[in-house]
Amino acid sequence: KLTCSGVALEVHEGHLHKLRLLWAISHANEDGELQFDESVFRRDAFCILCRYAAMQGGGQTAGGGFQAALYPQAFCVLKERFGVFCECFASPLNC
């Protein structure tokens, strides 16, 4: 659970771990050494999860939102027929 100013968001431990690793990598110094600050990470993670919650209507259980997910078969077609090898707007929760 992440909290800020009395607002709490539930997050799966696996997703939080993945976000923590990605955050640490993106905050490496010039020598490639990981710079990690748990309080700053938790603030940043809370912000990104709030963004997703807002896009889904503001509720933890709200569905829909602006997700336009494709099935794996569709990604195969994009790769084979059009040479698409990456997703430009992928969620850090799905990488």
Protein backbone atom coordinates (compact mmCIF):
# COMPACT_ATOMS: atom_id res chain seq x y z
CA LYS A 1 0.00 0.00 0.00
CA LEU A 2 1.26 3.48 -0.88
CA THR A 3 -0.06 6.53 0.92
CA CYS A 4 0.23 10.29 0.56
CA SER A 5 -1.67 12.97 2.47
CA GLY A 6 -4.15 10.42 3.77
CA VAL A 7 -4.86 8.88 0.34
CA ALA A 8 -3.99 5.19 0.09
CA LEU A 9 -3.50 3.11 -3.05
CA GLU A 10 -3.27 -0.67 -3.14
CA VAL A 11 -0.47 -2.06 -5.29
CA HIS A 12 0.58 -5.63 -5.95
CA GLU A 13 3.96 -6.35 -4.38
CA GLY A 14 5.29 -7.70 -7.68
CA HIS A 15 4.37 -4.47 -9.49
CA LEU A 16 5.92 -2.37 -6.73
CA HIS A 17 9.13 -4.42 -6.94
CA LYS A 18 9.26 -3.98 -10.74
CA LEU A 19 8.69 -0.23 -10.43
CA ARG A 20 11.41 -0.02 -7.76
CA LEU A 21 13.95 -1.72 -10.06
CA LEU A 22 13.05 0.46 -13.05
CA TRP A 23 13.14 3.60 -10.91
CA ALA A 24 16.58 2.72 -9.52
CA ILE A 25 17.97 2.08 -13.01
CA SER A 26 16.60 5.38 -14.30
CA HIS A 27 18.24 7.21 -11.39
CA ALA A 28 21.75 5.83 -11.88
CA ASN A 29 24.57 8.35 -11.69
CA GLU A 30 27.04 9.07 -14.51
CA ASP A 31 29.16 6.07 -13.49
CA GLY A 32 26.16 3.75 -13.73
CA GLU A 33 25.91 3.35 -9.97
CA LEU A 34 22.36 3.04 -8.76
CA GLN A 35 21.17 5.89 -6.59
CA PHE A 36 18.18 4.83 -4.53
CA ASP A 37 16.04 6.86 -2.16
CA GLU A 38 13.02 4.88 -0.89
CA SER A 39 10.99 7.94 0.11
CA VAL A 40 11.44 9.60 -3.30
CA PHE A 41 10.67 6.31 -5.04
CA ARG A 42 7.46 5.84 -3.02
CA ARG A 43 6.36 9.40 -3.87
CA ASP A 44 7.01 8.83 -7.57
CA ALA A 45 5.29 5.43 -7.54
CA PHE A 46 2.28 6.94 -5.78
CA CYS A 47 2.05 9.64 -8.47
CA ILE A 48 2.09 7.18 -11.36
CA LEU A 49 -0.47 4.92 -9.67
CA CYS A 50 -2.72 7.94 -9.03
CA ARG A 51 -2.53 8.75 -12.72
CA TYR A 52 -3.68 5.24 -13.65
CA ALA A 53 -6.44 5.32 -11.02
CA ALA A 54 -7.68 8.67 -12.39
CA MET A 55 -7.73 7.32 -15.95
CA GLN A 56 -9.89 4.44 -14.75
CA GLY A 57 -12.44 6.67 -13.11
CA GLY A 58 -10.79 7.26 -9.75
CA GLY A 59 -11.77 4.00 -8.07
CA GLN A 60 -9.58 1.02 -7.30
CA THR A 61 -12.11 -1.31 -8.89
CA ALA A 62 -13.20 0.93 -11.73
CA GLY A 63 -12.80 -0.68 -15.12
CA GLY A 64 -12.29 0.65 -18.58
CA GLY A 65 -10.15 3.73 -18.53
CA PHE A 66 -8.06 4.46 -21.58
CA GLN A 67 -6.51 1.03 -21.90
CA ALA A 68 -6.27 -0.17 -25.48
CA ALA A 69 -4.51 -3.44 -24.80
CA LEU A 70 -3.97 -5.93 -27.58
CA TYR A 71 -3.79 -9.70 -27.38
CA PRO A 72 -0.32 -11.21 -27.94
CA GLN A 73 -1.45 -12.47 -31.36
CA ALA A 74 -2.06 -8.87 -32.47
CA PHE A 75 1.46 -7.89 -31.46
CA CYS A 76 2.77 -10.80 -33.57
CA VAL A 77 0.86 -9.50 -36.60
CA LEU A 78 2.25 -5.99 -36.05
CA LYS A 79 5.77 -7.41 -35.89
CA GLU A 80 5.47 -9.77 -38.86
CA ARG A 81 3.50 -7.57 -41.26
CA PHE A 82 4.62 -4.07 -40.32
CA GLY A 83 8.01 -4.50 -38.64
CA VAL A 84 6.81 -3.07 -35.32
CA PHE A 85 9.23 -4.17 -32.60
CA CYS A 86 8.32 -1.94 -29.66
CA GLU A 87 5.40 -0.26 -27.96
CA CYS A 88 5.86 3.50 -27.63
CA PHE A 89 3.45 4.12 -24.78
CA ALA A 90 3.79 0.99 -22.69
CA SER A 91 3.02 1.08 -19.00
CA PRO A 92 5.96 0.51 -16.64
CA LEU A 93 3.70 -1.99 -14.92
CA ASN A 94 3.59 -4.16 -18.04
CA CYS A 95 7.17 -4.05 -19.22
